[in-house]
């Protein structure tokens, strides 16, 4: 496993393009586009204010930058750097912005979640969707781009509406068995919609496209519950991150089982799949985040500082200012630490809302070989996989770097010799 040099970053805004060719990062009001292979800067865009959200279009031809404080969205083109688009929501304000799957429509959510405005970049037409709910993740598109699921709050009850993305017309509308819906997420195959409740109640509900409740999952009661949810790219696994610091994985068993696209992940988890004549959901394994790693099979990489070698015969005493500054610069390297290893954690503040505890980030690699997780008390704040599954972006508060997986690590996992990495 290798690591790149560290680059500056603001607000955890760093994302790979869907085609895997570019890496976008934001530093205050500047948008930097780098080549993934060389990490050289290809384009540098300047926005009107500090960027608070960045997102690629599905075809990697456009990228939007949202400035919520000013109610503005700026869109840039990689093929035509001189072209740009500006959307101003005016007095309605702006709290969220995202692309539609076709990459030609932008969905803006106004302040107080009064409505969602759908802007077309091709026809310049505008559509409106009412009753969006203010929650952690209230919008989810199917991977094929046909349907949009929207979380709503009407008459003090949670609902989900399914829209057709071609004309933004309502297709299905159903209520959910939640007290305070926190998020929704389509399975990549578009057949199942995962809905999870507020953190005060551990509940994950699975609905079909027509609104039928397929299954419900609860790991425990009377404690803080679900914090993050992620589907595997093949839709066979659903990972649930909890406030107790554990990752629980459910598997979908089907009546007919063809060749598995999750071959690497199946060997890694070693699940027992029961072939049934109906769809079932059950937990197959769970992973914890211990503060001390004692298992010798787990690989722990530790960052160490190293000073560059100095030619003492060529140094003048006292050294000039420039030379002294260069001599004090340190470089970092990563070494494999031997077990047991105590990990550096951040102590959460218990008397404040939303404590930094629990599994706050889950990310399956696009090839289903790996599952990256982040506990709330770790210094890495976010995770972002490259589409090939060969590299992972590690984001901290002000910097980011790339983590490259060696081919031997991937082959070992695929053939049933798993290895955990910290």
Protein backbone atom coordinates (compact mmCIF):
# COMPACT_ATOMS: atom_id res chain seq x y z
CA UNK A 1 0.00 0.00 0.00
CA UNK A 2 1.44 3.37 -1.06
CA UNK A 3 0.47 6.98 -0.31
CA UNK A 4 0.75 10.17 -2.35
CA UNK A 5 1.90 13.53 -1.08
CA UNK A 6 -0.54 15.61 0.92
CA UNK A 7 -2.53 18.39 -0.79
CA UNK A 8 -4.49 21.29 0.67
CA UNK A 9 -8.23 20.93 1.00
CA UNK A 10 -11.26 22.83 2.31
CA UNK A 11 -14.49 21.44 3.80
CA UNK A 12 -13.72 17.82 2.77
CA UNK A 13 -14.45 18.70 -0.88
CA UNK A 14 -12.54 16.11 -2.90
CA UNK A 15 -14.14 13.76 -5.44
CA UNK A 16 -13.08 11.47 -8.27
CA UNK A 17 -14.82 11.91 -11.61
CA UNK A 18 -17.15 9.01 -12.53
CA UNK A 19 -14.89 7.96 -15.41
CA UNK A 20 -11.89 7.86 -13.06
CA UNK A 21 -9.76 10.28 -15.09
CA UNK A 22 -9.91 13.37 -12.89
CA UNK A 23 -9.78 14.36 -9.25
CA UNK A 24 -11.51 17.54 -8.12
CA UNK A 25 -10.58 19.34 -4.90
CA UNK A 26 -11.56 22.71 -3.47
CA UNK A 27 -9.46 25.23 -1.59
CA UNK A 28 -11.76 28.02 -0.39
CA UNK A 29 -13.14 29.62 -3.60
CA UNK A 30 -10.84 27.76 -6.02
CA UNK A 31 -11.68 24.50 -7.80
CA UNK A 32 -8.64 22.39 -8.76
CA UNK A 33 -8.91 19.62 -11.37
CA UNK A 34 -6.03 17.11 -11.36
CA UNK A 35 -5.09 14.18 -13.54
CA UNK A 36 -5.51 10.98 -11.53
CA UNK A 37 -2.40 9.28 -12.93
CA UNK A 38 0.06 12.16 -12.51
CA UNK A 39 -1.80 14.38 -9.99
CA UNK A 40 -0.84 17.35 -12.16
CA UNK A 41 -3.20 20.35 -12.23
CA UNK A 42 -5.23 20.41 -15.46
CA UNK A 43 -7.72 23.19 -14.75
CA UNK A 44 -8.11 25.86 -12.10
CA UNK A 45 -11.50 27.57 -11.76
CA UNK A 46 -12.32 30.56 -9.58
CA UNK A 47 -15.81 30.83 -8.07
CA UNK A 48 -17.58 33.89 -6.72
CA UNK A 49 -17.42 32.75 -3.08
CA UNK A 50 -16.16 29.93 -0.89
CA UNK A 51 -17.27 26.57 -2.28
CA UNK A 52 -19.44 24.52 0.07
CA UNK A 53 -20.37 21.61 -2.22
CA UNK A 54 -18.91 20.09 -5.38
CA UNK A 55 -20.31 17.30 -7.57
CA UNK A 56 -19.47 15.73 -10.94
CA UNK A 57 -22.03 15.05 -13.63
CA UNK A 58 -22.50 11.38 -14.49
CA UNK A 59 -20.62 11.70 -17.79
CA UNK A 60 -17.70 13.61 -16.17
CA UNK A 61 -18.13 16.51 -18.62
CA UNK A 62 -19.42 19.05 -16.09
CA UNK A 63 -18.87 19.86 -12.44
CA UNK A 64 -21.02 22.06 -10.22
CA UNK A 65 -19.92 24.19 -7.29
CA UNK A 66 -22.56 25.31 -4.79
CA UNK A 67 -22.22 28.37 -2.59
CA UNK A 68 -25.09 28.04 -0.14
CA UNK A 69 -24.46 31.30 1.68
CA UNK A 70 -25.06 33.29 -1.50
CA UNK A 71 -27.68 30.98 -3.00
CA UNK A 72 -25.51 30.40 -6.08
CA UNK A 73 -24.52 27.41 -8.20
CA UNK A 74 -21.75 27.62 -10.80
CA UNK A 75 -21.27 24.91 -13.42
CA UNK A 76 -17.98 24.40 -15.28
CA UNK A 77 -17.17 22.40 -18.41
CA UNK A 78 -13.99 20.37 -18.81
CA UNK A 79 -14.27 20.12 -22.60
CA UNK A 80 -14.90 23.87 -22.98
CA UNK A 81 -13.16 25.69 -20.09
CA UNK A 82 -14.46 29.05 -21.31
CA UNK A 83 -18.10 27.91 -20.92
CA UNK A 84 -19.79 28.24 -17.55
CA UNK A 85 -23.29 28.45 -16.11
CA UNK A 86 -24.59 30.36 -13.11
CA UNK A 87 -27.84 29.62 -11.24
CA UNK A 88 -29.09 32.15 -8.68
CA UNK A 89 -31.94 31.05 -6.39
CA UNK A 90 -32.41 34.60 -5.15
CA UNK A 91 -34.51 35.19 -2.03
CA UNK A 92 -35.58 31.52 -1.90
CA UNK A 93 -32.09 30.60 -0.72
CA UNK A 94 -30.18 27.37 -1.21
CA UNK A 95 -29.38 24.51 1.17
CA UNK A 96 -28.59 21.60 -1.21
CA UNK A 97 -27.72 21.01 -4.87
CA UNK A 98 -27.15 17.87 -6.92
CA UNK A 99 -27.08 16.51 -10.48
CA UNK A 100 -29.70 14.35 -12.08
CA UNK A 101 -28.40 11.07 -13.55
CA UNK A 102 -28.48 12.41 -17.12
CA UNK A 103 -26.02 15.16 -16.21
CA UNK A 104 -28.18 17.86 -17.81
CA UNK A 105 -30.48 18.78 -14.91
CA UNK A 106 -29.64 20.31 -11.53
CA UNK A 107 -31.84 19.91 -8.46
CA UNK A 108 -31.67 22.78 -5.96
CA UNK A 109 -33.35 22.63 -2.57
CA UNK A 110 -34.48 26.00 -1.21
CA UNK A 111 -34.21 27.19 2.37
CA UNK A 112 -36.57 25.64 4.93
CA UNK A 113 -37.01 22.81 2.39
CA UNK A 114 -40.02 24.51 0.84
CA UNK A 115 -39.44 22.97 -2.59
CA UNK A 116 -36.91 21.47 -5.01
CA UNK A 117 -36.24 23.37 -8.23
CA UNK A 118 -35.21 21.31 -11.27
CA UNK A 119 -33.13 23.35 -13.74
CA UNK A 120 -32.50 22.09 -17.27
CA UNK A 121 -29.17 23.09 -18.84
CA UNK A 122 -30.39 22.18 -22.33
CA UNK A 123 -33.87 23.74 -22.56
CA UNK A 124 -33.50 26.22 -19.66
CA UNK A 125 -36.88 25.02 -18.37
CA UNK A 126 -37.74 24.88 -14.66
CA UNK A 127 -39.80 22.30 -12.72
CA UNK A 128 -40.79 22.21 -9.05
CA UNK A 129 -41.18 19.38 -6.51
CA UNK A 130 -42.95 20.14 -3.23
CA UNK A 131 -42.75 18.77 0.33
CA UNK A 132 -39.09 17.65 0.56
CA UNK A 133 -38.08 16.63 4.06
CA UNK A 134 -35.10 18.11 5.86
CA UNK A 135 -33.10 15.01 6.71
CA UNK A 136 -29.66 13.46 6.37
CA UNK A 137 -30.22 11.98 2.90
CA UNK A 138 -33.64 12.75 1.44
CA UNK A 139 -32.93 12.27 -2.31
CA UNK A 140 -31.82 9.09 -4.06
CA UNK A 141 -31.65 8.21 -7.77
CA UNK A 142 -31.61 4.72 -9.23
CA UNK A 143 -28.36 3.90 -10.97
CA UNK A 144 -30.02 3.62 -14.40
CA UNK A 145 -31.35 7.17 -13.96
CA UNK A 146 -35.01 6.27 -14.42
CA UNK A 147 -36.43 7.03 -10.99
CA UNK A 148 -36.02 9.51 -8.15
CA UNK A 149 -37.01 8.68 -4.56
CA UNK A 150 -37.81 11.67 -2.37
CA UNK A 151 -38.38 11.69 1.40
CA UNK A 152 -41.35 13.83 2.40
CA UNK A 153 -43.01 15.01 5.60
CA UNK A 154 -46.78 15.55 5.45
CA UNK A 155 -49.23 15.85 8.33
CA UNK A 156 -46.55 14.89 10.87
CA UNK A 157 -45.84 11.60 9.07
CA UNK A 158 -43.04 10.39 6.82
CA UNK A 159 -43.67 9.52 3.18
CA UNK A 160 -41.64 8.53 0.12
CA UNK A 161 -42.53 9.65 -3.42
CA UNK A 162 -41.06 8.04 -6.53
CA UNK A 163 -40.77 10.26 -9.63
CA UNK A 164 -39.95 9.45 -13.25
CA UNK A 165 -36.82 11.41 -14.18
CA UNK A 166 -37.74 11.78 -17.87
CA UNK A 167 -40.64 14.15 -17.16
CA UNK A 168 -40.52 14.50 -13.33
CA UNK A 169 -44.02 13.06 -12.93
CA UNK A 170 -45.13 11.22 -9.78
CA UNK A 171 -45.10 7.41 -10.12
CA UNK A 172 -45.61 6.08 -6.56
CA UNK A 173 -46.37 7.56 -3.16
CA UNK A 174 -46.38 5.61 0.13
CA UNK A 175 -45.88 6.21 3.84
CA UNK A 176 -43.07 4.65 5.87
CA UNK A 177 -43.06 2.99 9.29
CA UNK A 178 -40.61 5.50 10.77
CA UNK A 179 -40.86 8.02 13.57
CA UNK A 180 -38.49 10.55 12.00
CA UNK A 181 -37.02 9.35 8.70
CA UNK A 182 -33.30 10.12 8.46
CA UNK A 183 -32.32 8.87 5.00
CA UNK A 184 -33.10 6.78 1.92
CA UNK A 185 -30.86 4.93 -0.53
CA UNK A 186 -31.67 2.89 -3.66
CA UNK A 187 -29.93 -0.40 -4.23
CA UNK A 188 -27.75 -0.18 -7.36
CA UNK A 189 -30.10 -2.52 -9.23
CA UNK A 190 -33.05 -0.20 -8.49
CA UNK A 191 -35.24 -2.96 -6.99
CA UNK A 192 -35.01 -2.15 -3.26
CA UNK A 193 -35.11 1.14 -1.37
CA UNK A 194 -33.42 1.27 2.05
CA UNK A 195 -35.00 3.64 4.57
CA UNK A 196 -33.54 4.25 8.02
CA UNK A 197 -35.00 6.00 11.02
CA UNK A 198 -33.68 8.69 13.34
CA UNK A 199 -30.61 7.95 15.46
CA UNK A 200 -32.87 7.66 18.51
CA UNK A 201 -34.33 4.40 17.18
CA UNK A 202 -32.42 1.61 15.43
CA UNK A 203 -34.55 0.71 12.41
CA UNK A 204 -33.70 -0.07 8.77
CA UNK A 205 -36.66 -0.70 6.44
CA UNK A 206 -36.49 -2.19 2.94
CA UNK A 207 -39.19 -1.29 0.39
CA UNK A 208 -39.86 -2.44 -3.14
CA UNK A 209 -40.42 -0.07 -6.05
CA UNK A 210 -44.20 -0.23 -5.61
CA UNK A 211 -44.02 0.63 -1.89
CA UNK A 212 -44.31 -2.84 -0.31
CA UNK A 213 -42.37 -3.37 2.92
CA UNK A 214 -40.00 -6.27 2.27
CA UNK A 215 -38.18 -6.48 5.58
CA UNK A 216 -37.18 -4.56 8.72
CA UNK A 217 -33.91 -4.82 10.66
CA UNK A 218 -33.07 -3.79 14.23
CA UNK A 219 -29.76 -4.64 15.92
CA UNK A 220 -30.57 -3.35 19.42
CA UNK A 221 -32.89 -1.01 21.31
CA UNK A 222 -32.73 1.85 23.83
CA UNK A 223 -29.54 3.36 22.49
CA UNK A 224 -28.32 5.54 19.60
CA UNK A 225 -28.90 3.61 16.37
CA UNK A 226 -28.04 3.94 12.68
CA UNK A 227 -25.46 6.52 11.59
CA UNK A 228 -24.57 5.48 8.01
CA UNK A 229 -25.80 3.04 5.35
CA UNK A 230 -24.15 1.84 2.12
CA UNK A 231 -25.03 -0.69 -0.59
CA UNK A 232 -22.47 -2.88 -2.31
CA UNK A 233 -22.32 -2.18 -6.07
CA UNK A 234 -23.96 -5.55 -6.87
CA UNK A 235 -26.89 -4.89 -4.45
CA UNK A 236 -26.24 -8.16 -2.59
CA UNK A 237 -24.89 -6.54 0.58
CA UNK A 238 -26.13 -3.69 2.74
CA UNK A 239 -23.66 -2.29 5.29
CA UNK A 240 -25.08 -0.45 8.30
CA UNK A 241 -22.83 1.72 10.48
CA UNK A 242 -23.99 2.23 14.06
CA UNK A 243 -23.21 4.52 16.97
CA UNK A 244 -21.80 1.59 18.94
CA UNK A 245 -18.79 1.56 16.59
CA UNK A 246 -19.67 -1.61 14.68
CA UNK A 247 -20.41 -2.30 11.01
CA UNK A 248 -23.17 -4.84 10.39
CA UNK A 249 -23.62 -6.41 6.98
CA UNK A 250 -26.83 -7.87 5.66
CA UNK A 251 -27.05 -10.07 2.58
CA UNK A 252 -29.85 -10.51 0.13
CA UNK A 253 -30.62 -14.17 -0.60
CA UNK A 254 -32.49 -14.90 -3.81
CA UNK A 255 -34.43 -17.90 -5.07
CA UNK A 256 -32.19 -18.27 -8.10
CA UNK A 257 -28.51 -17.60 -7.53
CA UNK A 258 -26.48 -16.92 -10.63
CA UNK A 259 -22.80 -16.06 -10.87
CA UNK A 260 -21.96 -13.65 -8.06
CA UNK A 261 -20.51 -10.26 -8.90
CA UNK A 262 -19.48 -9.98 -5.22
CA UNK A 263 -17.01 -12.86 -5.42
CA UNK A 264 -14.21 -11.06 -3.61
CA UNK A 265 -16.50 -9.71 -0.91
CA UNK A 266 -18.19 -13.08 -0.41
CA UNK A 267 -14.86 -14.76 0.28
CA UNK A 268 -13.88 -11.92 2.58
CA UNK A 269 -17.03 -12.19 4.74
CA UNK A 270 -17.42 -15.99 4.33
CA UNK A 271 -21.23 -15.82 4.56
CA UNK A 272 -23.58 -18.76 4.49
CA UNK A 273 -26.11 -17.99 1.75
CA UNK A 274 -29.43 -19.85 2.04
CA UNK A 275 -31.20 -20.36 -1.22
CA UNK A 276 -34.88 -19.54 -0.59
CA UNK A 277 -37.92 -18.97 -2.73
CA UNK A 278 -38.40 -15.45 -1.45
CA UNK A 279 -36.28 -12.47 -0.53
CA UNK A 280 -34.90 -12.44 3.03
CA UNK A 281 -32.62 -10.09 4.93
CA UNK A 282 -30.36 -11.14 7.80
CA UNK A 283 -27.04 -10.10 9.36
CA UNK A 284 -24.07 -12.19 8.27
CA UNK A 285 -21.16 -10.50 10.03
CA UNK A 286 -20.11 -7.44 11.98
CA UNK A 287 -16.87 -5.51 12.26
CA UNK A 288 -15.68 -3.40 15.20
CA UNK A 289 -13.25 -0.50 15.55
CA UNK A 290 -11.07 -1.35 18.57
CA UNK A 291 -8.75 1.33 19.95
CA UNK A 292 -5.97 -1.27 20.23
CA UNK A 293 -5.21 -3.69 17.39
CA UNK A 294 -3.94 -7.03 18.67
CA UNK A 295 -4.67 -9.35 15.73
CA UNK A 296 -1.37 -9.98 13.88
CA UNK A 297 -3.25 -10.56 10.60
CA UNK A 298 -4.41 -6.93 10.51
CA UNK A 299 -1.96 -4.63 8.70
CA UNK A 300 -1.48 -1.25 10.40
CA UNK A 301 0.34 1.54 8.54
CA UNK A 302 1.96 4.17 10.76
CA UNK A 303 3.10 7.55 9.50
CA UNK A 304 6.69 8.39 10.44
CA UNK A 305 8.72 11.51 9.77
CA UNK A 306 12.12 11.39 8.16
CA UNK A 307 14.65 14.17 7.70
CA UNK A 308 16.39 14.52 4.32
CA UNK A 309 20.03 13.65 4.25
CA UNK A 310 22.27 16.71 4.58
CA UNK A 311 25.76 17.13 3.19
CA UNK A 312 27.40 18.56 6.30
CA UNK A 313 30.59 19.44 4.48
CA UNK A 314 28.71 21.92 2.30
CA UNK A 315 26.79 23.66 5.10
CA UNK A 316 27.90 27.03 6.34
CA UNK A 317 27.76 27.83 10.06
CA UNK A 318 25.64 29.62 10.94
CA UNK A 319 23.53 28.52 7.94
CA UNK A 320 21.66 31.15 5.86
CA UNK A 321 17.97 31.64 6.52
CA UNK A 322 16.86 29.82 3.35
CA UNK A 323 19.15 26.88 4.07
CA UNK A 324 18.02 26.64 7.68
CA UNK A 325 14.39 26.58 6.60
CA UNK A 326 15.02 23.86 4.03
CA UNK A 327 16.98 21.75 6.51
CA UNK A 328 14.11 21.85 8.99
CA UNK A 329 11.59 20.53 6.47
CA UNK A 330 10.55 16.95 7.13
CA UNK A 331 9.15 14.28 4.88
CA UNK A 332 6.78 11.53 5.94
CA UNK A 333 6.73 7.85 5.13
CA UNK A 334 4.49 4.93 6.09
CA UNK A 335 5.80 1.93 7.95
CA UNK A 336 4.08 -1.32 8.89
CA UNK A 337 3.65 -1.43 12.65
CA UNK A 338 3.75 -4.70 14.56
CA UNK A 339 0.88 -5.68 16.85
CA UNK A 340 -0.28 -4.67 19.36
CA UNK A 341 -0.84 -1.10 18.13
CA UNK A 342 -2.76 1.64 19.94
CA UNK A 343 -4.55 3.92 17.48
CA UNK A 344 -4.75 7.67 17.98
CA UNK A 345 -8.35 8.68 18.54
CA UNK A 346 -10.18 11.92 19.23
CA UNK A 347 -12.10 12.06 22.47
CA UNK A 348 -15.73 13.02 21.75
CA UNK A 349 -17.42 15.82 23.67
CA UNK A 350 -20.31 14.08 25.39
CA UNK A 351 -22.25 17.19 26.45
CA UNK A 352 -22.78 18.43 22.88
CA UNK A 353 -25.25 17.38 20.23
CA UNK A 354 -24.19 14.95 17.48
CA UNK A 355 -21.14 13.49 19.24
CA UNK A 356 -18.33 12.22 17.02
CA UNK A 357 -18.85 8.55 17.81
CA UNK A 358 -19.92 5.60 15.70
CA UNK A 359 -19.36 4.62 12.08
CA UNK A 360 -19.77 7.91 10.22
CA UNK A 361 -18.60 6.79 6.76
CA UNK A 362 -18.95 3.59 4.72
CA UNK A 363 -17.59 3.08 1.22
CA UNK A 364 -17.58 -0.10 -0.86
CA UNK A 365 -14.95 -0.28 -3.57
CA UNK A 366 -16.58 -0.31 -7.03
CA UNK A 367 -15.27 -3.83 -7.71
CA UNK A 368 -16.80 -5.21 -4.45
CA UNK A 369 -13.43 -6.31 -3.08
CA UNK A 370 -13.14 -3.91 -0.12
CA UNK A 371 -15.25 -2.03 2.40
CA UNK A 372 -13.68 1.10 3.86
CA UNK A 373 -15.08 2.38 7.16
CA UNK A 374 -14.38 5.37 9.39
CA UNK A 375 -15.12 5.58 13.07
CA UNK A 376 -16.18 8.92 14.53
CA UNK A 377 -13.15 9.34 16.76
CA UNK A 378 -10.57 8.88 13.98
CA UNK A 379 -8.75 11.78 12.36
CA UNK A 380 -9.73 10.77 8.81
CA UNK A 381 -13.06 12.51 8.22
CA UNK A 382 -14.21 11.09 4.88
CA UNK A 383 -13.49 8.41 2.27
CA UNK A 384 -13.77 8.37 -1.53
CA UNK A 385 -12.96 5.38 -3.80
CA UNK A 386 -11.62 5.57 -7.33
CA UNK A 387 -13.94 3.76 -9.77
CA UNK A 388 -11.32 1.05 -10.44
CA UNK A 389 -11.03 0.16 -6.74
CA UNK A 390 -7.23 0.61 -6.89
CA UNK A 391 -7.03 3.83 -4.86
CA UNK A 392 -8.83 5.56 -2.02
CA UNK A 393 -8.85 9.27 -1.15
CA UNK A 394 -8.41 9.96 2.56
CA UNK A 395 -9.81 13.34 3.58
CA UNK A 396 -8.99 15.29 6.72
CA UNK A 397 -10.02 18.80 7.75
CA UNK A 398 -7.49 20.75 5.65
CA UNK A 399 -5.65 18.14 3.55
CA UNK A 400 -6.13 14.97 1.51
CA UNK A 401 -3.95 12.24 0.09
CA UNK A 402 -4.40 9.15 -2.10
CA UNK A 403 -3.92 5.60 -0.85
CA UNK A 404 -2.89 3.12 -3.58
CA UNK A 405 -3.50 -0.61 -3.11
CA UNK A 406 -0.87 -3.04 -4.33
CA UNK A 407 -1.92 -5.77 -6.85
CA UNK A 408 -0.87 -8.47 -4.36
CA UNK A 409 -3.37 -7.16 -1.79
CA UNK A 410 -6.22 -7.35 -4.28
CA UNK A 411 -5.32 -10.86 -5.49
CA UNK A 412 -5.02 -12.11 -1.92
CA UNK A 413 -8.52 -10.90 -1.11
CA UNK A 414 -10.08 -12.33 -4.26
CA UNK A 415 -8.82 -15.84 -3.54
CA UNK A 416 -9.97 -15.98 0.05
CA UNK A 417 -6.87 -14.72 1.89
CA UNK A 418 -8.33 -11.53 3.34
CA UNK A 419 -6.31 -8.81 4.97
CA UNK A 420 -7.58 -5.88 6.99
CA UNK A 421 -5.81 -2.53 6.78
CA UNK A 422 -5.85 0.36 9.24
